[in-house]
Protein backbone atom coordinates (compact mmCIF):
# COMPACT_ATOMS: atom_id res chain seq x y z
CA MET A 1 9.50 -161.19 -93.60
CA ARG A 2 6.82 -158.83 -92.35
CA ILE A 3 4.85 -158.89 -89.18
CA PRO A 4 1.09 -157.97 -89.75
CA LEU A 5 0.21 -155.80 -86.85
CA ALA A 6 -3.53 -156.02 -87.25
CA VAL A 7 -3.33 -159.89 -86.96
CA VAL A 8 -1.07 -159.65 -83.95
CA GLY A 9 -3.42 -157.11 -82.42
CA GLY A 10 -6.31 -159.68 -82.71
CA MET A 11 -4.32 -161.75 -80.16
CA VAL A 12 -4.36 -158.98 -77.46
CA PRO A 13 -7.66 -160.03 -75.73
CA MET A 14 -6.49 -163.55 -75.43
CA GLY A 15 -3.06 -162.48 -74.17
CA ALA A 16 -4.47 -160.10 -71.55
CA ASP A 17 -6.74 -162.92 -70.37
CA VAL A 18 -3.89 -165.42 -70.05
CA ILE A 19 -1.57 -162.94 -68.29
CA GLY A 20 -4.37 -161.92 -65.87
CA ALA A 21 -4.90 -165.53 -64.99
CA ILE A 22 -1.21 -166.18 -64.54
CA SER A 23 -0.82 -163.02 -62.35
CA SER A 24 -3.79 -163.94 -59.99
CA ASN A 25 -3.61 -167.71 -59.93
CA GLY A 26 -0.40 -168.98 -61.35
CA TRP A 27 0.82 -170.89 -64.49
CA LEU A 28 -1.62 -173.67 -64.40
CA ALA A 29 -4.58 -171.16 -64.45
CA GLY A 30 -2.80 -169.45 -67.27
CA LEU A 31 -2.51 -172.62 -69.22
CA ASP A 32 -6.20 -173.30 -68.55
CA HIS A 33 -7.22 -169.96 -69.82
CA LEU A 34 -5.02 -170.45 -72.93
CA SER A 35 -7.05 -173.61 -73.55
CA LEU A 36 -10.30 -171.83 -72.77
CA CYS A 37 -9.46 -168.97 -75.24
CA THR A 38 -8.45 -171.15 -78.11
CA THR A 39 -10.67 -174.18 -77.81
CA GLY A 40 -13.42 -173.11 -75.33
CA ILE A 41 -12.57 -176.13 -73.11
CA THR A 42 -11.64 -175.55 -69.46
CA THR A 43 -11.16 -178.00 -66.51
CA LYS A 44 -12.56 -177.40 -63.17
CA PRO A 45 -11.13 -178.71 -59.80
CA GLY A 46 -12.01 -182.32 -59.50
CA GLY A 47 -11.50 -183.07 -63.17
CA ALA A 48 -14.78 -181.91 -64.65
CA VAL A 49 -14.43 -180.55 -68.22
CA GLU A 50 -16.55 -177.82 -69.45
CA TRP A 51 -17.05 -176.33 -72.95
CA HIS A 52 -17.70 -172.59 -73.54
CA PRO A 53 -17.57 -171.82 -77.27
CA SER A 54 -18.80 -168.22 -76.77
CA TYR A 55 -15.74 -167.51 -74.66
CA ALA A 56 -13.36 -168.74 -77.35
CA LEU A 57 -15.26 -166.71 -79.89
CA GLN A 58 -15.16 -163.57 -77.76
CA LYS A 59 -11.54 -163.75 -76.74
CA PHE A 60 -9.76 -165.27 -79.84
CA TYR A 61 -11.72 -166.00 -82.96
CA LEU A 62 -13.67 -162.73 -83.50
CA PRO A 63 -10.72 -160.45 -82.65
CA MET A 64 -8.47 -162.59 -84.97
CA LEU A 65 -10.96 -162.40 -87.86
CA GLY A 66 -11.19 -158.70 -87.34
CA GLY A 67 -7.33 -158.41 -87.51
CA VAL A 68 -7.21 -160.58 -90.69
CA VAL A 69 -9.97 -158.45 -92.37
CA ALA A 70 -8.17 -155.16 -91.42
CA HIS A 71 -4.92 -156.70 -92.77
CA LYS A 72 -6.50 -157.59 -96.00
CA LEU A 73 -8.19 -154.24 -96.33
CA ALA A 74 -4.95 -152.33 -95.66
CA ALA A 75 -3.27 -154.40 -98.34
CA ARG A 76 -6.07 -153.63 -100.89
CA LEU A 77 -5.93 -149.88 -100.09
CA GLY A 78 -2.15 -149.86 -100.54
CA VAL A 79 -1.24 -148.99 -97.01
CA ASN A 80 1.33 -151.81 -96.76
CA ARG A 81 2.81 -150.69 -100.01
CA MET A 82 3.20 -147.15 -98.62
CA LEU A 83 4.94 -148.42 -95.45
CA SER A 84 7.37 -150.47 -97.54
CA ARG A 85 8.19 -147.40 -99.77
CA ALA A 86 8.72 -145.33 -96.63
CA GLY A 87 11.44 -147.67 -95.60
CA ILE A 88 9.70 -149.34 -92.60
CA PRO A 89 11.36 -152.71 -92.72
CA PHE A 90 9.30 -155.40 -90.85
CA ILE A 91 5.91 -154.06 -90.20
CA SER A 92 2.66 -154.15 -92.24
CA ILE A 93 -0.86 -153.36 -91.14
């Protein structure tokens, strides 16, 4: 089993946003930001639901796509093979 670092790195903007929301407003705000980053749907006080697809693109989908492309490019260039030969056990790019 290998962990692709480029794909995991694509989750960093979403993780930073969720952690920032948790640290400033608590767990419910963190869960709301998790929903906002993955689906673009957020709830406002009073029960109003809003949809912000550009926020989800910016914080999750585009960075994740970039990570997948970087992972595929590294695999094509042989970087992951070189890491395997070097004896690095669980990491790929």
